[in-house]
Amino acid sequence: MSSAKAIVFTRLTDGTILRRRQDGSFRPVKDRTDYARLAKLTDDEIERMARSDPDHPGLDDEFWRQVEEIGAPRSKEAISIKLDKDVLAFFRKQGRGYQTRINAVLRHYMHARRKAG
């Protein structure tokens, strides 16, 4: 068993991500995201990249048909969950039932992982 400590990250309210160093202090993590390049991507380019990603479940009509077939348990538990603002906005933009859709996406992921072993 390794005696190495896990790297611990935390996020400040302004979005800054900090990483704990060996001495226990926290230092900002340098953001290497090329936001200018991302802003130039077209919807078609984003869709093409998503389809080529083996971890992307594909949210087409077939995905939603499978979600309906799987069904959901009858009991639910109210929790507090932190989601990225853009993710939440995406689901809310689709109207009523956005929490159910988020649950369906998570359920689909769970079933896919179970099948994968």
PDB file of N, CA and C in Angstrom:
ATOM      1  N   MET A   1       0.842  -1.176   0.000  1.00  0.00           N
ATOM      2  CA  MET A   1       0.000   0.000   0.000  1.00  0.00           C
ATOM      3  C   MET A   1       0.887   1.238   0.000  1.00  0.00           C
ATOM      4  N   SER A   2       0.560   2.178  -0.860  1.00  0.00           N
ATOM      5  CA  SER A   2       1.381   3.373  -1.000  1.00  0.00           C
ATOM      6  C   SER A   2       1.138   4.336   0.157  1.00  0.00           C
ATOM      7  N   SER A   3       2.207   4.986   0.589  1.00  0.00           N
ATOM      8  CA  SER A   3       2.072   5.962   1.661  1.00  0.00           C
ATOM      9  C   SER A   3       1.937   7.378   1.116  1.00  0.00           C
ATOM     10  N   ALA A   4       1.883   7.527  -0.230  1.00  0.00           N
ATOM     11  CA  ALA A   4       1.760   8.843  -0.844  1.00  0.00           C
ATOM     12  C   ALA A   4       0.395   9.444  -0.522  1.00  0.00           C
ATOM     13  N   LYS A   5       0.391  10.750  -0.278  1.00  0.00           N
ATOM     14  CA  LYS A   5      -0.866  11.438   0.002  1.00  0.00           C
ATOM     15  C   LYS A   5      -1.567  11.771  -1.311  1.00  0.00           C
ATOM     16  N   ALA A   6      -2.876  11.716  -1.285  1.00  0.00           N
ATOM     17  CA  ALA A   6      -3.648  12.081  -2.462  1.00  0.00           C
ATOM     18  C   ALA A   6      -3.557  13.582  -2.683  1.00  0.00           C
ATOM     19  N   ILE A   7      -3.578  13.973  -3.955  1.00  0.00           N
ATOM     20  CA  ILE A   7      -3.604  15.404  -4.268  1.00  0.00           C
ATOM     21  C   ILE A   7      -5.003  15.907  -3.963  1.00  0.00           C
ATOM     22  N   VAL A   8      -5.086  16.997  -3.262  1.00  0.00           N
ATOM     23  CA  VAL A   8      -6.380  17.548  -2.887  1.00  0.00           C
ATOM     24  C   VAL A   8      -6.552  18.904  -3.546  1.00  0.00           C
ATOM     25  N   PHE A   9      -7.695  19.068  -4.180  1.00  0.00           N
ATOM     26  CA  PHE A   9      -8.019  20.331  -4.837  1.00  0.00           C
ATOM     27  C   PHE A   9      -9.201  20.966  -4.129  1.00  0.00           C
ATOM     28  N   THR A  10      -9.279  22.274  -4.222  1.00  0.00           N
ATOM     29  CA  THR A  10     -10.438  22.999  -3.723  1.00  0.00           C
ATOM     30  C   THR A  10     -10.683  24.170  -4.650  1.00  0.00           C
ATOM     31  N   ARG A  11     -11.912  24.680  -4.658  1.00  0.00           N
ATOM     32  CA  ARG A  11     -12.269  25.788  -5.532  1.00  0.00           C
ATOM     33  C   ARG A  11     -12.759  26.951  -4.694  1.00  0.00           C
ATOM     34  N   LEU A  12     -12.232  28.128  -4.972  1.00  0.00           N
ATOM     35  CA  LEU A  12     -12.683  29.338  -4.297  1.00  0.00           C
ATOM     36  C   LEU A  12     -13.992  29.811  -4.919  1.00  0.00           C
ATOM     37  N   THR A  13     -14.687  30.711  -4.245  1.00  0.00           N
ATOM     38  CA  THR A  13     -15.971  31.192  -4.759  1.00  0.00           C
ATOM     39  C   THR A  13     -15.830  31.923  -6.084  1.00  0.00           C
ATOM     40  N   ASP A  14     -14.641  32.455  -6.381  1.00  0.00           N
ATOM     41  CA  ASP A  14     -14.440  33.144  -7.664  1.00  0.00           C
ATOM     42  C   ASP A  14     -14.061  32.167  -8.778  1.00  0.00           C
ATOM     43  N   GLY A  15     -14.022  30.868  -8.477  1.00  0.00           N
ATOM     44  CA  GLY A  15     -13.724  29.860  -9.483  1.00  0.00           C
ATOM     45  C   GLY A  15     -12.275  29.413  -9.514  1.00  0.00           C
ATOM     46  N   THR A  16     -11.409  30.083  -8.776  1.00  0.00           N
ATOM     47  CA  THR A  16     -10.001  29.712  -8.745  1.00  0.00           C
ATOM     48  C   THR A  16      -9.835  28.329  -8.119  1.00  0.00           C
ATOM     49  N   ILE A  17      -9.081  27.469  -8.796  1.00  0.00           N
ATOM     50  CA  ILE A  17      -8.827  26.124  -8.278  1.00  0.00           C
ATOM     51  C   ILE A  17      -7.473  26.128  -7.584  1.00  0.00           C
ATOM     52  N   LEU A  18      -7.465  25.580  -6.378  1.00  0.00           N
ATOM     53  CA  LEU A  18      -6.235  25.504  -5.594  1.00  0.00           C
ATOM     54  C   LEU A  18      -5.848  24.049  -5.396  1.00  0.00           C
ATOM     55  N   ARG A  19      -4.542  23.790  -5.360  1.00  0.00           N
ATOM     56  CA  ARG A  19      -4.029  22.450  -5.102  1.00  0.00           C
ATOM     57  C   ARG A  19      -3.187  22.489  -3.839  1.00  0.00           C
ATOM     58  N   ARG A  20      -3.410  21.503  -2.964  1.00  0.00           N
ATOM     59  CA  ARG A  20      -2.623  21.435  -1.735  1.00  0.00           C
ATOM     60  C   ARG A  20      -1.239  20.903  -2.065  1.00  0.00           C
ATOM     61  N   ARG A  21      -0.239  21.582  -1.559  1.00  0.00           N
ATOM     62  CA  ARG A  21       1.147  21.169  -1.761  1.00  0.00           C
ATOM     63  C   ARG A  21       1.595  20.294  -0.603  1.00  0.00           C
ATOM     64  N   GLN A  22       2.782  19.729  -0.715  1.00  0.00           N
ATOM     65  CA  GLN A  22       3.292  18.829   0.318  1.00  0.00           C
ATOM     66  C   GLN A  22       3.433  19.515   1.669  1.00  0.00           C
ATOM     67  N   ASP A  23       3.706  20.819   1.649  1.00  0.00           N
ATOM     68  CA  ASP A  23       3.868  21.533   2.913  1.00  0.00           C
ATOM     69  C   ASP A  23       2.526  21.920   3.537  1.00  0.00           C
ATOM     70  N   GLY A  24       1.426  21.541   2.879  1.00  0.00           N
ATOM     71  CA  GLY A  24       0.098  21.833   3.408  1.00  0.00           C
ATOM     72  C   GLY A  24      -0.502  23.124   2.905  1.00  0.00           C
ATOM     73  N   SER A  25       0.290  23.948   2.230  1.00  0.00           N
ATOM     74  CA  SER A  25      -0.232  25.200   1.692  1.00  0.00           C
ATOM     75  C   SER A  25      -0.991  24.938   0.393  1.00  0.00           C
ATOM     76  N   PHE A  26      -1.846  25.869   0.025  1.00  0.00           N
ATOM     77  CA  PHE A  26      -2.593  25.761  -1.220  1.00  0.00           C
ATOM     78  C   PHE A  26      -2.079  26.805  -2.196  1.00  0.00           C
ATOM     79  N   ARG A  27      -1.921  26.412  -3.442  1.00  0.00           N
ATOM     80  CA  ARG A  27      -1.471  27.313  -4.496  1.00  0.00           C
ATOM     81  C   ARG A  27      -2.434  27.204  -5.671  1.00  0.00           C
ATOM     82  N   PRO A  28      -2.658  28.329  -6.374  1.00  0.00           N
ATOM     83  CA  PRO A  28      -3.539  28.275  -7.552  1.00  0.00           C
ATOM     84  C   PRO A  28      -2.986  27.337  -8.621  1.00  0.00           C
ATOM     85  N   VAL A  29      -3.890  26.651  -9.302  1.00  0.00           N
ATOM     86  CA  VAL A  29      -3.531  25.792 -10.424  1.00  0.00           C
ATOM     87  C   VAL A  29      -3.626  26.648 -11.675  1.00  0.00           C
ATOM     88  N   LYS A  30      -2.576  26.634 -12.485  1.00  0.00           N
ATOM     89  CA  LYS A  30      -2.575  27.431 -13.703  1.00  0.00           C
ATOM     90  C   LYS A  30      -3.565  26.840 -14.699  1.00  0.00           C
ATOM     91  N   ASP A  31      -4.456  27.679 -15.191  1.00  0.00           N
ATOM     92  CA  ASP A  31      -5.471  27.270 -16.160  1.00  0.00           C
ATOM     93  C   ASP A  31      -4.829  27.212 -17.541  1.00  0.00           C
ATOM     94  N   ARG A  32      -4.861  26.038 -18.168  1.00  0.00           N
ATOM     95  CA  ARG A  32      -4.265  25.884 -19.485  1.00  0.00           C
ATOM     96  C   ARG A  32      -5.321  25.797 -20.581  1.00  0.00           C
ATOM     97  N   THR A  33      -6.563  26.131 -20.265  1.00  0.00           N
ATOM     98  CA  THR A  33      -7.638  26.065 -21.240  1.00  0.00           C
ATOM     99  C   THR A  33      -7.497  27.193 -22.253  1.00  0.00           C
ATOM    100  N   ASP A  34      -7.618  26.852 -23.521  1.00  0.00           N
ATOM    101  CA  ASP A  34      -7.559  27.840 -24.598  1.00  0.00           C
ATOM    102  C   ASP A  34      -8.993  28.289 -24.907  1.00  0.00           C
ATOM    103  N   TYR A  35      -9.481  29.252 -24.125  1.00  0.00           N
ATOM    104  CA  TYR A  35     -10.865  29.697 -24.258  1.00  0.00           C
ATOM    105  C   TYR A  35     -11.144  30.329 -25.617  1.00  0.00           C
ATOM    106  N   ALA A  36     -10.160  31.018 -26.202  1.00  0.00           N
ATOM    107  CA  ALA A  36     -10.347  31.636 -27.522  1.00  0.00           C
ATOM    108  C   ALA A  36     -10.600  30.558 -28.577  1.00  0.00           C
ATOM    109  N   ARG A  37      -9.843  29.473 -28.515  1.00  0.00           N
ATOM    110  CA  ARG A  37     -10.043  28.378 -29.473  1.00  0.00           C
ATOM    111  C   ARG A  37     -11.409  27.736 -29.277  1.00  0.00           C
ATOM    112  N   LEU A  38     -11.807  27.539 -28.028  1.00  0.00           N
ATOM    113  CA  LEU A  38     -13.112  26.933 -27.745  1.00  0.00           C
ATOM    114  C   LEU A  38     -14.255  27.809 -28.244  1.00  0.00           C
ATOM    115  N   ALA A  39     -14.117  29.109 -28.083  1.00  0.00           N
ATOM    116  CA  ALA A  39     -15.177  30.029 -28.509  1.00  0.00           C
ATOM    117  C   ALA A  39     -15.375  29.998 -30.022  1.00  0.00           C
ATOM    118  N   LYS A  40     -14.341  29.636 -30.771  1.00  0.00           N
ATOM    119  CA  LYS A  40     -14.425  29.606 -32.232  1.00  0.00           C
ATOM    120  C   LYS A  40     -15.040  28.318 -32.778  1.00  0.00           C
ATOM    121  N   LEU A  41     -15.200  27.300 -31.926  1.00  0.00           N
ATOM    122  CA  LEU A  41     -15.749  26.026 -32.390  1.00  0.00           C
ATOM    123  C   LEU A  41     -17.200  26.188 -32.818  1.00  0.00           C
ATOM    124  N   THR A  42     -17.557  25.569 -33.932  1.00  0.00           N
ATOM    125  CA  THR A  42     -18.949  25.582 -34.381  1.00  0.00           C
ATOM    126  C   THR A  42     -19.702  24.454 -33.691  1.00  0.00           C
ATOM    127  N   ASP A  43     -21.026  24.516 -33.729  1.00  0.00           N
ATOM    128  CA  ASP A  43     -21.836  23.444 -33.148  1.00  0.00           C
ATOM    129  C   ASP A  43     -21.530  22.112 -33.816  1.00  0.00           C
ATOM    130  N   ASP A  44     -21.329  22.124 -35.151  1.00  0.00           N
ATOM    131  CA  ASP A  44     -21.015  20.882 -35.863  1.00  0.00           C
ATOM    132  C   ASP A  44     -19.689  20.291 -35.393  1.00  0.00           C
ATOM    133  N   GLU A  45     -18.684  21.134 -35.172  1.00  0.00           N
ATOM    134  CA  GLU A  45     -17.392  20.651 -34.688  1.00  0.00           C
ATOM    135  C   GLU A  45     -17.532  20.039 -33.290  1.00  0.00           C
ATOM    136  N   ILE A  46     -18.308  20.701 -32.445  1.00  0.00           N
ATOM    137  CA  ILE A  46     -18.517  20.197 -31.088  1.00  0.00           C
ATOM    138  C   ILE A  46     -19.237  18.853 -31.130  1.00  0.00           C
ATOM    139  N   GLU A  47     -20.283  18.760 -31.969  1.00  0.00           N
ATOM    140  CA  GLU A  47     -21.021  17.497 -32.101  1.00  0.00           C
ATOM    141  C   GLU A  47     -20.117  16.390 -32.622  1.00  0.00           C
ATOM    142  N   ARG A  48     -19.274  16.694 -33.604  1.00  0.00           N
ATOM    143  CA  ARG A  48     -18.366  15.694 -34.173  1.00  0.00           C
ATOM    144  C   ARG A  48     -17.377  15.203 -33.107  1.00  0.00           C
ATOM    145  N   MET A  49     -16.848  16.134 -32.321  1.00  0.00           N
ATOM    146  CA  MET A  49     -15.917  15.746 -31.254  1.00  0.00           C
ATOM    147  C   MET A  49     -16.632  14.901 -30.199  1.00  0.00           C
ATOM    148  N   ALA A  50     -17.862  15.271 -29.854  1.00  0.00           N
ATOM    149  CA  ALA A  50     -18.619  14.519 -28.851  1.00  0.00           C
ATOM    150  C   ALA A  50     -18.887  13.097 -29.338  1.00  0.00           C
ATOM    151  N   ARG A  51     -19.253  12.951 -30.614  1.00  0.00           N
ATOM    152  CA  ARG A  51     -19.530  11.617 -31.158  1.00  0.00           C
ATOM    153  C   ARG A  51     -18.283  10.737 -31.172  1.00  0.00           C
ATOM    154  N   SER A  52     -17.102  11.357 -31.314  1.00  0.00           N
ATOM    155  CA  SER A  52     -15.868  10.569 -31.363  1.00  0.00           C
ATOM    156  C   SER A  52     -15.336  10.241 -29.968  1.00  0.00           C
ATOM    157  N   ASP A  53     -15.942  10.816 -28.926  1.00  0.00           N
ATOM    158  CA  ASP A  53     -15.499  10.578 -27.552  1.00  0.00           C
ATOM    159  C   ASP A  53     -16.137   9.294 -27.030  1.00  0.00           C
ATOM    160  N   PRO A  54     -15.325   8.272 -26.714  1.00  0.00           N
ATOM    161  CA  PRO A  54     -15.903   7.004 -26.250  1.00  0.00           C
ATOM    162  C   PRO A  54     -16.621   7.122 -24.904  1.00  0.00           C
ATOM    163  N   ASP A  55     -16.345   8.169 -24.138  1.00  0.00           N
ATOM    164  CA  ASP A  55     -17.015   8.343 -22.852  1.00  0.00           C
ATOM    165  C   ASP A  55     -18.311   9.142 -22.974  1.00  0.00           C
ATOM    166  N   HIS A  56     -18.589   9.671 -24.152  1.00  0.00           N
ATOM    167  CA  HIS A  56     -19.806  10.469 -24.353  1.00  0.00           C
ATOM    168  C   HIS A  56     -20.951   9.528 -24.678  1.00  0.00           C
ATOM    169  N   PRO A  57     -22.033   9.551 -23.894  1.00  0.00           N
ATOM    170  CA  PRO A  57     -23.109   8.582 -24.101  1.00  0.00           C
ATOM    171  C   PRO A  57     -23.954   8.838 -25.337  1.00  0.00           C
ATOM    172  N   GLY A  58     -23.894  10.017 -25.919  1.00  0.00           N
ATOM    173  CA  GLY A  58     -24.737  10.314 -27.071  1.00  0.00           C
ATOM    174  C   GLY A  58     -26.152  10.622 -26.616  1.00  0.00           C
ATOM    175  N   LEU A  59     -26.576  11.839 -26.762  1.00  0.00           N
ATOM    176  CA  LEU A  59     -27.901  12.245 -26.272  1.00  0.00           C
ATOM    177  C   LEU A  59     -28.870  12.424 -27.430  1.00  0.00           C
ATOM    178  N   ASP A  60     -28.889  11.461 -28.346  1.00  0.00           N
ATOM    179  CA  ASP A  60     -29.793  11.507 -29.478  1.00  0.00           C
ATOM    180  C   ASP A  60     -31.131  10.858 -29.106  1.00  0.00           C
ATOM    181  N   ASP A  61     -32.010  10.707 -30.087  1.00  0.00           N
ATOM    182  CA  ASP A  61     -33.329  10.113 -29.823  1.00  0.00           C
ATOM    183  C   ASP A  61     -33.211   8.691 -29.276  1.00  0.00           C
ATOM    184  N   GLU A  62     -32.220   7.944 -29.755  1.00  0.00           N
ATOM    185  CA  GLU A  62     -32.022   6.573 -29.269  1.00  0.00           C
ATOM    186  C   GLU A  62     -31.685   6.568 -27.776  1.00  0.00           C
ATOM    187  N   PHE A  63     -30.862   7.519 -27.350  1.00  0.00           N
ATOM    188  CA  PHE A  63     -30.522   7.627 -25.938  1.00  0.00           C
ATOM    189  C   PHE A  63     -31.788   7.815 -25.098  1.00  0.00           C
ATOM    190  N   TRP A  64     -32.644   8.762 -25.491  1.00  0.00           N
ATOM    191  CA  TRP A  64     -33.846   9.055 -24.697  1.00  0.00           C
ATOM    192  C   TRP A  64     -34.831   7.896 -24.740  1.00  0.00           C
ATOM    193  N   ARG A  65     -34.871   7.125 -25.862  1.00  0.00           N
ATOM    194  CA  ARG A  65     -35.733   5.944 -25.925  1.00  0.00           C
ATOM    195  C   ARG A  65     -35.257   4.910 -24.898  1.00  0.00           C
ATOM    196  N   GLN A  66     -33.927   4.718 -24.821  1.00  0.00           N
ATOM    197  CA  GLN A  66     -33.379   3.769 -23.855  1.00  0.00           C
ATOM    198  C   GLN A  66     -33.655   4.209 -22.423  1.00  0.00           C
ATOM    199  N   VAL A  67     -33.592   5.496 -22.185  1.00  0.00           N
ATOM    200  CA  VAL A  67     -33.858   6.019 -20.845  1.00  0.00           C
ATOM    201  C   VAL A  67     -35.287   5.677 -20.437  1.00  0.00           C
ATOM    202  N   GLU A  68     -36.224   5.861 -21.359  1.00  0.00           N
ATOM    203  CA  GLU A  68     -37.621   5.557 -21.055  1.00  0.00           C
ATOM    204  C   GLU A  68     -37.809   4.069 -20.792  1.00  0.00           C
ATOM    205  N   GLU A  69     -37.074   3.206 -21.527  1.00  0.00           N
ATOM    206  CA  GLU A  69     -37.184   1.759 -21.327  1.00  0.00           C
ATOM    207  C   GLU A  69     -36.643   1.338 -19.963  1.00  0.00           C
ATOM    208  N   ILE A  70     -35.543   1.957 -19.554  1.00  0.00           N
ATOM    209  CA  ILE A  70     -34.924   1.605 -18.273  1.00  0.00           C
ATOM    210  C   ILE A  70     -35.869   1.939 -17.131  1.00  0.00           C
ATOM    211  N   GLY A  71     -36.525   3.081 -17.233  1.00  0.00           N
ATOM    212  CA  GLY A  71     -37.438   3.505 -16.177  1.00  0.00           C
ATOM    213  C   GLY A  71     -36.687   4.007 -14.968  1.00  0.00           C
ATOM    214  N   ALA A  72     -37.404   4.463 -14.009  1.00  0.00           N
ATOM    215  CA  ALA A  72     -36.793   5.010 -12.803  1.00  0.00           C
ATOM    216  C   ALA A  72     -37.418   4.372 -11.577  1.00  0.00           C
ATOM    217  N   PRO A  73     -36.665   4.263 -10.511  1.00  0.00           N
ATOM    218  CA  PRO A  73     -37.247   3.744  -9.277  1.00  0.00           C
ATOM    219  C   PRO A  73     -38.364   4.660  -8.788  1.00  0.00           C
ATOM    220  N   ARG A  74     -39.223   4.123  -7.986  1.00  0.00           N
ATOM    221  CA  ARG A  74     -40.360   4.905  -7.508  1.00  0.00           C
ATOM    222  C   ARG A  74     -39.984   5.895  -6.414  1.00  0.00           C
ATOM    223  N   SER A  75     -38.921   5.626  -5.705  1.00  0.00           N
ATOM    224  CA  SER A  75     -38.570   6.539  -4.616  1.00  0.00           C
ATOM    225  C   SER A  75     -37.357   7.373  -5.004  1.00  0.00           C
ATOM    226  N   LYS A  76     -37.378   8.613  -4.603  1.00  0.00           N
ATOM    227  CA  LYS A  76     -36.270   9.520  -4.867  1.00  0.00           C
ATOM    228  C   LYS A  76     -35.849  10.153  -3.552  1.00  0.00           C
ATOM    229  N   GLU A  77     -34.633  10.634  -3.531  1.00  0.00           N
ATOM    230  CA  GLU A  77     -34.102  11.277  -2.338  1.00  0.00           C
ATOM    231  C   GLU A  77     -33.678  12.693  -2.694  1.00  0.00           C
ATOM    232  N   ALA A  78     -34.119  13.646  -1.918  1.00  0.00           N
ATOM    233  CA  ALA A  78     -33.721  15.035  -2.134  1.00  0.00           C
ATOM    234  C   ALA A  78     -32.313  15.237  -1.588  1.00  0.00           C
ATOM    235  N   ILE A  79     -31.447  15.782  -2.439  1.00  0.00           N
ATOM    236  CA  ILE A  79     -30.068  16.053  -2.034  1.00  0.00           C
ATOM    237  C   ILE A  79     -29.675  17.445  -2.513  1.00  0.00           C
ATOM    238  N   SER A  80     -28.542  17.887  -2.066  1.00  0.00           N
ATOM    239  CA  SER A  80     -27.960  19.115  -2.577  1.00  0.00           C
ATOM    240  C   SER A  80     -26.778  18.709  -3.435  1.00  0.00           C
ATOM    241  N   ILE A  81     -26.722  19.225  -4.661  1.00  0.00           N
ATOM    242  CA  ILE A  81     -25.637  18.879  -5.571  1.00  0.00           C
ATOM    243  C   ILE A  81     -25.157  20.149  -6.248  1.00  0.00           C
ATOM    244  N   LYS A  82     -23.863  20.258  -6.411  1.00  0.00           N
ATOM    245  CA  LYS A  82     -23.299  21.420  -7.089  1.00  0.00           C
ATOM    246  C   LYS A  82     -22.981  21.029  -8.522  1.00  0.00           C
ATOM    247  N   LEU A  83     -23.563  21.771  -9.457  1.00  0.00           N
ATOM    248  CA  LEU A  83     -23.328  21.552 -10.876  1.00  0.00           C
ATOM    249  C   LEU A  83     -22.725  22.816 -11.474  1.00  0.00           C
ATOM    250  N   ASP A  84     -21.968  22.653 -12.535  1.00  0.00           N
ATOM    251  CA  ASP A  84     -21.452  23.828 -13.228  1.00  0.00           C
ATOM    252  C   ASP A  84     -22.630  24.626 -13.764  1.00  0.00           C
ATOM    253  N   LYS A  85     -22.498  25.954 -13.737  1.00  0.00           N
ATOM    254  CA  LYS A  85     -23.601  26.828 -14.144  1.00  0.00           C
ATOM    255  C   LYS A  85     -24.083  26.537 -15.560  1.00  0.00           C
ATOM    256  N   ASP A  86     -23.135  26.284 -16.488  1.00  0.00           N
ATOM    257  CA  ASP A  86     -23.540  26.048 -17.869  1.00  0.00           C
ATOM    258  C   ASP A  86     -24.280  24.720 -18.023  1.00  0.00           C
ATOM    259  N   VAL A  87     -23.914  23.723 -17.227  1.00  0.00           N
ATOM    260  CA  VAL A  87     -24.608  22.433 -17.277  1.00  0.00           C
ATOM    261  C   VAL A  87     -26.037  22.602 -16.792  1.00  0.00           C
ATOM    262  N   LEU A  88     -26.203  23.268 -15.671  1.00  0.00           N
ATOM    263  CA  LEU A  88     -27.541  23.499 -15.132  1.00  0.00           C
ATOM    264  C   LEU A  88     -28.378  24.344 -16.096  1.00  0.00           C
ATOM    265  N   ALA A  89     -27.774  25.376 -16.672  1.00  0.00           N
ATOM    266  CA  ALA A  89     -28.489  26.239 -17.624  1.00  0.00           C
ATOM    267  C   ALA A  89     -28.955  25.431 -18.831  1.00  0.00           C
ATOM    268  N   PHE A  90     -28.109  24.511 -19.297  1.00  0.00           N
ATOM    269  CA  PHE A  90     -28.468  23.673 -20.444  1.00  0.00           C
ATOM    270  C   PHE A  90     -29.736  22.885 -20.156  1.00  0.00           C
ATOM    271  N   PHE A  91     -29.793  22.239 -18.998  1.00  0.00           N
ATOM    272  CA  PHE A  91     -30.963  21.431 -18.661  1.00  0.00           C
ATOM    273  C   PHE A  91     -32.178  22.303 -18.369  1.00  0.00           C
ATOM    274  N   ARG A  92     -31.992  23.402 -17.668  1.00  0.00           N
ATOM    275  CA  ARG A  92     -33.122  24.287 -17.358  1.00  0.00           C
ATOM    276  C   ARG A  92     -33.726  24.874 -18.628  1.00  0.00           C
ATOM    277  N   LYS A  93     -32.886  25.142 -19.612  1.00  0.00           N
ATOM    278  CA  LYS A  93     -33.350  25.753 -20.877  1.00  0.00           C
ATOM    279  C   LYS A  93     -34.364  24.854 -21.588  1.00  0.00           C
ATOM    280  N   GLN A  94     -34.313  23.557 -21.292  1.00  0.00           N
ATOM    281  CA  GLN A  94     -35.228  22.609 -21.930  1.00  0.00           C
ATOM    282  C   GLN A  94     -36.605  22.590 -21.266  1.00  0.00           C
ATOM    283  N   GLY A  95     -36.760  23.367 -20.191  1.00  0.00           N
ATOM    284  CA  GLY A  95     -38.072  23.502 -19.569  1.00  0.00           C
ATOM    285  C   GLY A  95     -38.300  22.573 -18.385  1.00  0.00           C
ATOM    286  N   ARG A  96     -39.591  22.481 -18.013  1.00  0.00           N
ATOM    287  CA  ARG A  96     -39.973  21.659 -16.869  1.00  0.00           C
ATOM    288  C   ARG A  96     -39.425  20.244 -16.995  1.00  0.00           C
ATOM    289  N   GLY A  97     -39.085  19.673 -15.861  1.00  0.00           N
ATOM    290  CA  GLY A  97     -38.583  18.310 -15.834  1.00  0.00           C
ATOM    291  C   GLY A  97     -37.078  18.217 -15.984  1.00  0.00           C
ATOM    292  N   TYR A  98     -36.392  19.353 -15.858  1.00  0.00           N
ATOM    293  CA  TYR A  98     -34.940  19.326 -16.057  1.00  0.00           C
ATOM    294  C   TYR A  98     -34.239  18.441 -15.022  1.00  0.00           C
ATOM    295  N   GLN A  99     -34.745  18.397 -13.792  1.00  0.00           N
ATOM    296  CA  GLN A  99     -34.121  17.539 -12.783  1.00  0.00           C
ATOM    297  C   GLN A  99     -34.303  16.067 -13.148  1.00  0.00           C
ATOM    298  N   THR A 100     -35.455  15.730 -13.698  1.00  0.00           N
ATOM    299  CA  THR A 100     -35.711  14.367 -14.142  1.00  0.00           C
ATOM    300  C   THR A 100     -34.779  14.008 -15.288  1.00  0.00           C
ATOM    301  N   ARG A 101     -34.526  14.958 -16.201  1.00  0.00           N
ATOM    302  CA  ARG A 101     -33.602  14.697 -17.311  1.00  0.00           C
ATOM    303  C   ARG A 101     -32.173  14.513 -16.795  1.00  0.00           C
ATOM    304  N   ILE A 102     -31.765  15.330 -15.828  1.00  0.00           N
ATOM    305  CA  ILE A 102     -30.431  15.156 -15.244  1.00  0.00           C
ATOM    306  C   ILE A 102     -30.336  13.766 -14.622  1.00  0.00           C
ATOM    307  N   ASN A 103     -31.363  13.353 -13.905  1.00  0.00           N
ATOM    308  CA  ASN A 103     -31.398  12.027 -13.293  1.00  0.00           C
ATOM    309  C   ASN A 103     -31.313  10.943 -14.362  1.00  0.00           C
ATOM    310  N   ALA A 104     -32.025  11.145 -15.491  1.00  0.00           N
ATOM    311  CA  ALA A 104     -32.014  10.159 -16.574  1.00  0.00           C
ATOM    312  C   ALA A 104     -30.616  10.014 -17.177  1.00  0.00           C
ATOM    313  N   VAL A 105     -29.920  11.127 -17.349  1.00  0.00           N
ATOM    314  CA  VAL A 105     -28.556  11.079 -17.885  1.00  0.00           C
ATOM    315  C   VAL A 105     -27.653  10.311 -16.924  1.00  0.00           C
ATOM    316  N   LEU A 106     -27.774  10.591 -15.636  1.00  0.00           N
ATOM    317  CA  LEU A 106     -26.965   9.888 -14.638  1.00  0.00           C
ATOM    318  C   LEU A 106     -27.310   8.401 -14.601  1.00  0.00           C
ATOM    319  N   ARG A 107     -28.606   8.079 -14.716  1.00  0.00           N
ATOM    320  CA  ARG A 107     -29.037   6.681 -14.714  1.00  0.00           C
ATOM    321  C   ARG A 107     -28.470   5.955 -15.931  1.00  0.00           C
ATOM    322  N   HIS A 108     -28.501   6.590 -17.100  1.00  0.00           N
ATOM    323  CA  HIS A 108     -27.946   5.986 -18.311  1.00  0.00           C
ATOM    324  C   HIS A 108     -26.459   5.722 -18.131  1.00  0.00           C
ATOM    325  N   TYR A 109     -25.740   6.678 -17.568  1.00  0.00           N
ATOM    326  CA  TYR A 109     -24.313   6.511 -17.306  1.00  0.00           C
ATOM    327  C   TYR A 109     -24.077   5.345 -16.349  1.00  0.00           C
ATOM    328  N   MET A 110     -24.879   5.269 -15.305  1.00  0.00           N
ATOM    329  CA  MET A 110     -24.746   4.202 -14.317  1.00  0.00           C
ATOM    330  C   MET A 110     -24.932   2.824 -14.982  1.00  0.00           C
ATOM    331  N   HIS A 111     -25.975   2.688 -15.809  1.00  0.00           N
ATOM    332  CA  HIS A 111     -26.228   1.409 -16.484  1.00  0.00           C
ATOM    333  C   HIS A 111     -25.114   1.076 -17.468  1.00  0.00           C
ATOM    334  N   ALA A 112     -24.605   2.072 -18.182  1.00  0.00           N
ATOM    335  CA  ALA A 112     -23.510   1.842 -19.129  1.00  0.00           C
ATOM    336  C   ALA A 112     -22.258   1.359 -18.398  1.00  0.00           C
ATOM    337  N   ARG A 113     -21.970   1.950 -17.250  1.00  0.00           N
ATOM    338  CA  ARG A 113     -20.788   1.539 -16.475  1.00  0.00           C
ATOM    339  C   ARG A 113     -20.968   0.134 -15.911  1.00  0.00           C
ATOM    340  N   ARG A 114     -22.192  -0.185 -15.505  1.00  0.00           N
ATOM    341  CA  ARG A 114     -22.434  -1.529 -14.979  1.00  0.00           C
ATOM    342  C   ARG A 114     -22.225  -2.574 -16.072  1.00  0.00           C
ATOM    343  N   LYS A 115     -22.678  -2.264 -17.293  1.00  0.00           N
ATOM    344  CA  LYS A 115     -22.511  -3.189 -18.406  1.00  0.00           C
ATOM    345  C   LYS A 115     -21.041  -3.357 -18.752  1.00  0.00           C
ATOM    346  N   ALA A 116     -20.282  -2.271 -18.621  1.00  0.00           N
ATOM    347  CA  ALA A 116     -18.856  -2.304 -18.963  1.00  0.00           C
ATOM    348  C   ALA A 116     -18.052  -3.129 -17.950  1.00  0.00           C
ATOM    349  N   GLY A 117     -18.637  -3.313 -16.780  1.00  0.00           N
ATOM    350  CA  GLY A 117     -17.977  -4.132 -15.774  1.00  0.00           C
ATOM    351  C   GLY A 117     -17.172  -3.318 -14.875  1.00  0.00           C
TER     352      GLY A 117
END
